[in-house]
Amino acid sequence: MPQPPTTSPSAASRRGLGRDATVGAICGLLVALMVGAAYASVPFYNWFCRATGFNGTTQVAKAAPTSAPLARKVAVRFDSNVAGGLPWKFEPEKNEIEIRIGEVVTVYYNVTNESARTTTGQAAYNVAPLTVGKYFEKLNCFCFTEQTMAPGEKRQMAVVFYVDPSLVKDSDNDGLNTITLSYTFYPVRDPVSEPLAATEPDKRKGDL
């Protein structure tokens, strides 16, 4: 009677190792894809917020509106905060102003570095109510870049903005009469160094 084919222990072991290697490779690939997706989600989320005004994120305008401001007015309140670890005094020059929708406005915040060392901060921002984010257009803002201040330095920081006239077509904002623009400065632990000009001596090198 014919005997069934037998498999040597060494062949079975090799097949087992091959399966383990395949499963390990698939798991490693999945982990790499998940990590990559996590990192990619951060810039995607930031882009999504800027594009849609989600979570009260304001927009960055490239030019002022071409049409004349509307007759409708809104009050804009200014809020300022400083996170722990940043020894700055930060407050708006005016707490509230009234503007016409579509009117380009410049306001100022006063900032003081109250420490005896150079410090760097970056401002995060949003507006309330959250439905206004996609209509609040900034032409210029100190929040676009890191701000480095010398010990005891005082500075005025400008914000140039307007409220997009298309807001009046949004039924969600029919009863809108007040907008709050809020900033929070956070400390920057490792500020970006600005490149030196070719003719500027590199003072950071010290004596060689």
C-alpha atoms as a PDB file:
ATOM      1  CA  MET A   1       0.000   0.000   0.000  1.00  0.00           C
ATOM      2  CA  PRO A   2       1.510   3.344  -1.041  1.00  0.00           C
ATOM      3  CA  GLN A   3       2.661   5.532   1.835  1.00  0.00           C
ATOM      4  CA  PRO A   4       1.663   9.274   1.973  1.00  0.00           C
ATOM      5  CA  PRO A   5       4.490  11.646   1.241  1.00  0.00           C
ATOM      6  CA  THR A   6       6.340  12.724   4.331  1.00  0.00           C
ATOM      7  CA  THR A   7       7.774  16.127   5.073  1.00  0.00           C
ATOM      8  CA  SER A   8      11.130  16.396   6.700  1.00  0.00           C
ATOM      9  CA  PRO A   9      11.349  18.421   9.939  1.00  0.00           C
ATOM     10  CA  SER A  10      13.822  20.816   8.316  1.00  0.00           C
ATOM     11  CA  ALA A  11      11.429  21.670   5.436  1.00  0.00           C
ATOM     12  CA  ALA A  12       8.545  22.300   7.826  1.00  0.00           C
ATOM     13  CA  SER A  13      10.756  24.536   9.921  1.00  0.00           C
ATOM     14  CA  ARG A  14      11.742  26.563   6.872  1.00  0.00           C
ATOM     15  CA  ARG A  15       8.092  27.027   5.870  1.00  0.00           C
ATOM     16  CA  GLY A  16       7.249  28.142   9.398  1.00  0.00           C
ATOM     17  CA  LEU A  17      10.056  30.686   9.389  1.00  0.00           C
ATOM     18  CA  GLY A  18       8.894  31.930   6.002  1.00  0.00           C
ATOM     19  CA  ARG A  19       5.357  32.479   7.273  1.00  0.00           C
ATOM     20  CA  ASP A  20       6.670  34.304  10.351  1.00  0.00           C
ATOM     21  CA  ALA A  21       8.834  36.549   8.191  1.00  0.00           C
ATOM     22  CA  THR A  22       5.883  37.378   5.915  1.00  0.00           C
ATOM     23  CA  VAL A  23       3.592  38.184   8.835  1.00  0.00           C
ATOM     24  CA  GLY A  24       6.328  40.302  10.426  1.00  0.00           C
ATOM     25  CA  ALA A  25       6.878  42.250   7.211  1.00  0.00           C
ATOM     26  CA  ILE A  26       3.145  42.927   6.830  1.00  0.00           C
ATOM     27  CA  CYS A  27       2.887  44.119  10.458  1.00  0.00           C
ATOM     28  CA  GLY A  28       5.916  46.377  10.002  1.00  0.00           C
ATOM     29  CA  LEU A  29       4.413  47.892   6.867  1.00  0.00           C
ATOM     30  CA  LEU A  30       1.114  48.566   8.646  1.00  0.00           C
ATOM     31  CA  VAL A  31       2.905  50.261  11.538  1.00  0.00           C
ATOM     32  CA  ALA A  32       4.914  52.433   9.111  1.00  0.00           C
ATOM     33  CA  LEU A  33       1.731  53.430   7.277  1.00  0.00           C
ATOM     34  CA  MET A  34      -0.018  54.308  10.555  1.00  0.00           C
ATOM     35  CA  VAL A  35       2.916  56.454  11.727  1.00  0.00           C
ATOM     36  CA  GLY A  36       3.099  58.193   8.360  1.00  0.00           C
ATOM     37  CA  ALA A  37      -0.629  58.873   8.417  1.00  0.00           C
ATOM     38  CA  ALA A  38      -0.372  60.354  11.900  1.00  0.00           C
ATOM     39  CA  TYR A  39       2.324  62.812  10.810  1.00  0.00           C
ATOM     40  CA  ALA A  40       0.519  63.629   7.562  1.00  0.00           C
ATOM     41  CA  SER A  41      -2.724  64.316   9.433  1.00  0.00           C
ATOM     42  CA  VAL A  42      -1.210  67.355  11.209  1.00  0.00           C
ATOM     43  CA  PRO A  43      -0.556  69.498   8.098  1.00  0.00           C
ATOM     44  CA  PHE A  44      -3.781  68.180   6.550  1.00  0.00           C
ATOM     45  CA  TYR A  45      -5.743  69.262   9.643  1.00  0.00           C
ATOM     46  CA  ASN A  46      -4.090  72.712   9.565  1.00  0.00           C
ATOM     47  CA  TRP A  47      -4.885  73.068   5.853  1.00  0.00           C
ATOM     48  CA  PHE A  48      -8.465  71.929   6.431  1.00  0.00           C
ATOM     49  CA  CYS A  49      -8.946  74.482   9.217  1.00  0.00           C
ATOM     50  CA  ARG A  50      -7.553  77.338   7.100  1.00  0.00           C
ATOM     51  CA  ALA A  51      -9.625  76.335   4.081  1.00  0.00           C
ATOM     52  CA  THR A  52     -12.918  75.933   5.918  1.00  0.00           C
ATOM     53  CA  GLY A  53     -12.601  78.141   8.991  1.00  0.00           C
ATOM     54  CA  PHE A  54     -13.181  75.043  11.124  1.00  0.00           C
ATOM     55  CA  ASN A  55     -12.784  75.604  14.868  1.00  0.00           C
ATOM     56  CA  GLY A  56     -12.722  79.375  14.374  1.00  0.00           C
ATOM     57  CA  THR A  57      -9.510  79.391  12.331  1.00  0.00           C
ATOM     58  CA  THR A  58      -9.168  82.682  10.469  1.00  0.00           C
ATOM     59  CA  GLN A  59      -8.151  83.043   6.830  1.00  0.00           C
ATOM     60  CA  VAL A  60      -5.060  84.613   5.240  1.00  0.00           C
ATOM     61  CA  ALA A  61      -6.042  87.124   2.558  1.00  0.00           C
ATOM     62  CA  LYS A  62      -3.783  87.999  -0.368  1.00  0.00           C
ATOM     63  CA  ALA A  63      -5.484  91.320  -1.151  1.00  0.00           C
ATOM     64  CA  ALA A  64      -8.049  93.750   0.205  1.00  0.00           C
ATOM     65  CA  PRO A  65     -11.639  93.453  -1.033  1.00  0.00           C
ATOM     66  CA  THR A  66     -12.321  95.298  -4.270  1.00  0.00           C
ATOM     67  CA  SER A  67     -15.866  96.336  -3.351  1.00  0.00           C
ATOM     68  CA  ALA A  68     -16.835  99.122  -0.967  1.00  0.00           C
ATOM     69  CA  PRO A  69     -17.597  98.211   2.676  1.00  0.00           C
ATOM     70  CA  LEU A  70     -21.194  97.357   3.494  1.00  0.00           C
ATOM     71  CA  ALA A  71     -23.446  99.437   5.696  1.00  0.00           C
ATOM     72  CA  ARG A  72     -23.838  96.589   8.181  1.00  0.00           C
ATOM     73  CA  LYS A  73     -21.550  96.900  11.215  1.00  0.00           C
ATOM     74  CA  VAL A  74     -20.184  94.461  13.770  1.00  0.00           C
ATOM     75  CA  ALA A  75     -18.245  94.905  16.985  1.00  0.00           C
ATOM     76  CA  VAL A  76     -14.838  93.197  17.180  1.00  0.00           C
ATOM     77  CA  ARG A  77     -13.457  92.404  20.629  1.00  0.00           C
ATOM     78  CA  PHE A  78      -9.790  91.599  21.240  1.00  0.00           C
ATOM     79  CA  ASP A  79      -8.640  88.979  23.698  1.00  0.00           C
ATOM     80  CA  SER A  80      -5.009  88.308  24.713  1.00  0.00           C
ATOM     81  CA  ASN A  81      -3.387  85.484  26.673  1.00  0.00           C
ATOM     82  CA  VAL A  82       0.131  84.284  27.486  1.00  0.00           C
ATOM     83  CA  ALA A  83       0.870  80.630  28.160  1.00  0.00           C
ATOM     84  CA  GLY A  84       2.973  79.553  31.116  1.00  0.00           C
ATOM     85  CA  GLY A  85       6.708  79.735  30.620  1.00  0.00           C
ATOM     86  CA  LEU A  86       6.676  82.918  28.549  1.00  0.00           C
ATOM     87  CA  PRO A  87       7.402  86.038  30.682  1.00  0.00           C
ATOM     88  CA  TRP A  88       5.551  88.499  28.447  1.00  0.00           C
ATOM     89  CA  LYS A  89       2.888  91.117  29.064  1.00  0.00           C
ATOM     90  CA  PHE A  90       0.498  91.054  26.110  1.00  0.00           C
ATOM     91  CA  GLU A  91      -2.620  93.199  25.721  1.00  0.00           C
ATOM     92  CA  PRO A  92      -4.628  94.924  22.979  1.00  0.00           C
ATOM     93  CA  GLU A  93      -4.379  98.682  22.508  1.00  0.00           C
ATOM     94  CA  LYS A  94      -8.199  98.758  22.359  1.00  0.00           C
ATOM     95  CA  ASN A  95     -10.485  96.126  23.814  1.00  0.00           C
ATOM     96  CA  GLU A  96     -13.260  96.618  21.265  1.00  0.00           C
ATOM     97  CA  ILE A  97     -13.963  98.533  18.048  1.00  0.00           C
ATOM     98  CA  GLU A  98     -16.889  98.785  15.656  1.00  0.00           C
ATOM     99  CA  ILE A  99     -16.256  98.174  11.957  1.00  0.00           C
ATOM    100  CA  ARG A 100     -18.210  97.887   8.746  1.00  0.00           C
ATOM    101  CA  ILE A 101     -18.202  94.508   7.024  1.00  0.00           C
ATOM    102  CA  GLY A 102     -15.638  94.641   4.203  1.00  0.00           C
ATOM    103  CA  GLU A 103     -13.688  97.501   5.817  1.00  0.00           C
ATOM    104  CA  VAL A 104      -9.917  97.000   6.116  1.00  0.00           C
ATOM    105  CA  VAL A 105      -8.837  97.736   9.695  1.00  0.00           C
ATOM    106  CA  THR A 106      -5.476  97.901  11.489  1.00  0.00           C
ATOM    107  CA  VAL A 107      -5.290  97.270  15.234  1.00  0.00           C
ATOM    108  CA  TYR A 108      -2.334  96.950  17.592  1.00  0.00           C
ATOM    109  CA  TYR A 109      -1.310  94.783  20.501  1.00  0.00           C
ATOM    110  CA  ASN A 110       1.306  95.925  23.011  1.00  0.00           C
ATOM    111  CA  VAL A 111       3.891  93.340  24.053  1.00  0.00           C
ATOM    112  CA  THR A 112       6.599  93.569  26.717  1.00  0.00           C
ATOM    113  CA  ASN A 113       9.274  91.020  27.535  1.00  0.00           C
ATOM    114  CA  GLU A 114       9.376  91.267  31.313  1.00  0.00           C
ATOM    115  CA  SER A 115      12.369  88.972  31.762  1.00  0.00           C
ATOM    116  CA  ALA A 116      16.117  89.643  31.798  1.00  0.00           C
ATOM    117  CA  ARG A 117      16.742  87.305  28.876  1.00  0.00           C
ATOM    118  CA  THR A 118      15.869  87.107  25.195  1.00  0.00           C
ATOM    119  CA  THR A 119      12.740  85.043  24.635  1.00  0.00           C
ATOM    120  CA  THR A 120      10.757  83.870  21.618  1.00  0.00           C
ATOM    121  CA  GLY A 121       7.021  83.286  21.280  1.00  0.00           C
ATOM    122  CA  GLN A 122       4.529  82.204  18.649  1.00  0.00           C
ATOM    123  CA  ALA A 123       0.882  83.269  18.722  1.00  0.00           C
ATOM    124  CA  ALA A 124      -2.024  80.917  18.127  1.00  0.00           C
ATOM    125  CA  TYR A 125      -5.376  82.457  17.271  1.00  0.00           C
ATOM    126  CA  ASN A 126      -9.033  81.912  16.532  1.00  0.00           C
ATOM    127  CA  VAL A 127     -12.288  83.827  16.419  1.00  0.00           C
ATOM    128  CA  ALA A 128     -15.670  83.348  18.049  1.00  0.00           C
ATOM    129  CA  PRO A 129     -18.315  82.469  17.167  1.00  0.00           C
ATOM    130  CA  LEU A 130     -16.652  79.605  15.274  1.00  0.00           C
ATOM    131  CA  THR A 131     -18.909  80.102  12.238  1.00  0.00           C
ATOM    132  CA  VAL A 132     -17.109  83.396  11.501  1.00  0.00           C
ATOM    133  CA  GLY A 133     -13.666  81.829  10.996  1.00  0.00           C
ATOM    134  CA  LYS A 134     -13.941  81.425   7.224  1.00  0.00           C
ATOM    135  CA  TYR A 135     -15.009  85.066   6.811  1.00  0.00           C
ATOM    136  CA  PHE A 136     -12.360  86.688   9.016  1.00  0.00           C
ATOM    137  CA  GLU A 137      -9.540  87.609   6.624  1.00  0.00           C
ATOM    138  CA  LYS A 138      -6.076  88.704   7.782  1.00  0.00           C
ATOM    139  CA  LEU A 139      -3.856  90.687   5.445  1.00  0.00           C
ATOM    140  CA  ASN A 140      -1.002  90.958   7.939  1.00  0.00           C
ATOM    141  CA  CYS A 141      -0.435  89.596  11.430  1.00  0.00           C
ATOM    142  CA  PHE A 142       2.346  89.119  13.972  1.00  0.00           C
ATOM    143  CA  CYS A 143       0.968  85.597  14.400  1.00  0.00           C
ATOM    144  CA  PHE A 144       2.332  84.520  11.000  1.00  0.00           C
ATOM    145  CA  THR A 145       5.905  84.229  12.348  1.00  0.00           C
ATOM    146  CA  GLU A 146       7.848  83.645  15.549  1.00  0.00           C
ATOM    147  CA  GLN A 147       8.510  86.801  17.601  1.00  0.00           C
ATOM    148  CA  THR A 148      11.827  87.213  19.416  1.00  0.00           C
ATOM    149  CA  MET A 149      12.172  89.970  22.009  1.00  0.00           C
ATOM    150  CA  ALA A 150      15.233  91.256  23.849  1.00  0.00           C
ATOM    151  CA  PRO A 151      15.257  91.625  27.651  1.00  0.00           C
ATOM    152  CA  GLY A 152      12.807  94.354  28.682  1.00  0.00           C
ATOM    153  CA  GLU A 153      11.862  95.118  25.065  1.00  0.00           C
ATOM    154  CA  LYS A 154       8.483  96.705  24.336  1.00  0.00           C
ATOM    155  CA  ARG A 155       6.858  96.408  20.939  1.00  0.00           C
ATOM    156  CA  GLN A 156       3.620  97.210  19.108  1.00  0.00           C
ATOM    157  CA  MET A 157       2.393  94.361  16.938  1.00  0.00           C
ATOM    158  CA  ALA A 158      -0.130  95.025  14.193  1.00  0.00           C
ATOM    159  CA  VAL A 159      -3.023  93.019  12.806  1.00  0.00           C
ATOM    160  CA  VAL A 160      -4.596  94.063   9.489  1.00  0.00           C
ATOM    161  CA  PHE A 161      -7.903  92.381   8.724  1.00  0.00           C
ATOM    162  CA  TYR A 162     -11.405  92.641   7.296  1.00  0.00           C
ATOM    163  CA  VAL A 163     -14.616  90.662   7.509  1.00  0.00           C
ATOM    164  CA  ASP A 164     -15.520  89.151   4.134  1.00  0.00           C
ATOM    165  CA  PRO A 165     -18.768  90.684   2.799  1.00  0.00           C
ATOM    166  CA  SER A 166     -19.966  87.207   1.789  1.00  0.00           C
ATOM    167  CA  LEU A 167     -20.716  86.672   5.481  1.00  0.00           C
ATOM    168  CA  VAL A 168     -24.053  88.461   5.038  1.00  0.00           C
ATOM    169  CA  LYS A 169     -25.207  85.659   2.704  1.00  0.00           C
ATOM    170  CA  ASP A 170     -24.651  83.021   5.386  1.00  0.00           C
ATOM    171  CA  SER A 171     -27.867  82.434   7.331  1.00  0.00           C
ATOM    172  CA  ASP A 172     -25.877  81.010  10.243  1.00  0.00           C
ATOM    173  CA  ASN A 173     -24.625  84.535  10.928  1.00  0.00           C
ATOM    174  CA  ASP A 174     -27.860  86.487  10.441  1.00  0.00           C
ATOM    175  CA  GLY A 175     -27.948  87.638  14.062  1.00  0.00           C
ATOM    176  CA  LEU A 176     -24.219  88.253  14.370  1.00  0.00           C
ATOM    177  CA  ASN A 177     -23.288  91.533  16.037  1.00  0.00           C
ATOM    178  CA  THR A 178     -20.039  90.718  17.894  1.00  0.00           C
ATOM    179  CA  ILE A 179     -16.834  88.895  16.900  1.00  0.00           C
ATOM    180  CA  THR A 180     -14.062  88.047  19.355  1.00  0.00           C
ATOM    181  CA  LEU A 181     -10.509  87.720  18.051  1.00  0.00           C
ATOM    182  CA  SER A 182      -8.396  85.786  20.527  1.00  0.00           C
ATOM    183  CA  TYR A 183      -4.608  85.286  20.671  1.00  0.00           C
ATOM    184  CA  THR A 184      -2.445  83.169  22.934  1.00  0.00           C
ATOM    185  CA  PHE A 185       1.349  83.477  22.867  1.00  0.00           C
ATOM    186  CA  TYR A 186       3.249  80.255  23.530  1.00  0.00           C
ATOM    187  CA  PRO A 187       6.969  79.960  24.287  1.00  0.00           C
ATOM    188  CA  VAL A 188       9.222  78.675  21.515  1.00  0.00           C
ATOM    189  CA  ARG A 189      11.983  76.525  22.983  1.00  0.00           C
ATOM    190  CA  ASP A 190      14.091  76.231  19.821  1.00  0.00           C
ATOM    191  CA  PRO A 191      13.506  79.344  17.698  1.00  0.00           C
ATOM    192  CA  VAL A 192      14.453  79.278  14.040  1.00  0.00           C
ATOM    193  CA  SER A 193      17.755  81.096  13.472  1.00  0.00           C
ATOM    194  CA  GLU A 194      17.654  83.740  10.762  1.00  0.00           C
ATOM    195  CA  PRO A 195      20.431  83.355   8.149  1.00  0.00           C
ATOM    196  CA  LEU A 196      23.160  86.004   8.271  1.00  0.00           C
ATOM    197  CA  ALA A 197      23.783  88.263   5.293  1.00  0.00           C
ATOM    198  CA  ALA A 198      27.044  87.691   3.419  1.00  0.00           C
ATOM    199  CA  THR A 199      28.487  90.976   4.703  1.00  0.00           C
ATOM    200  CA  GLU A 200      27.333  90.497   8.307  1.00  0.00           C
ATOM    201  CA  PRO A 201      29.903  89.092  10.737  1.00  0.00           C
ATOM    202  CA  ASP A 202      28.921  85.902  12.487  1.00  0.00           C
ATOM    203  CA  LYS A 203      28.850  87.045  16.117  1.00  0.00           C
ATOM    204  CA  ARG A 204      27.667  83.643  17.255  1.00  0.00           C
ATOM    205  CA  LYS A 205      31.047  82.032  16.590  1.00  0.00           C
ATOM    206  CA  GLY A 206      32.955  84.023  19.200  1.00  0.00           C
ATOM    207  CA  ASP A 207      36.736  83.878  19.401  1.00  0.00           C
ATOM    208  CA  LEU A 208      38.380  80.989  17.597  1.00  0.00           C
END
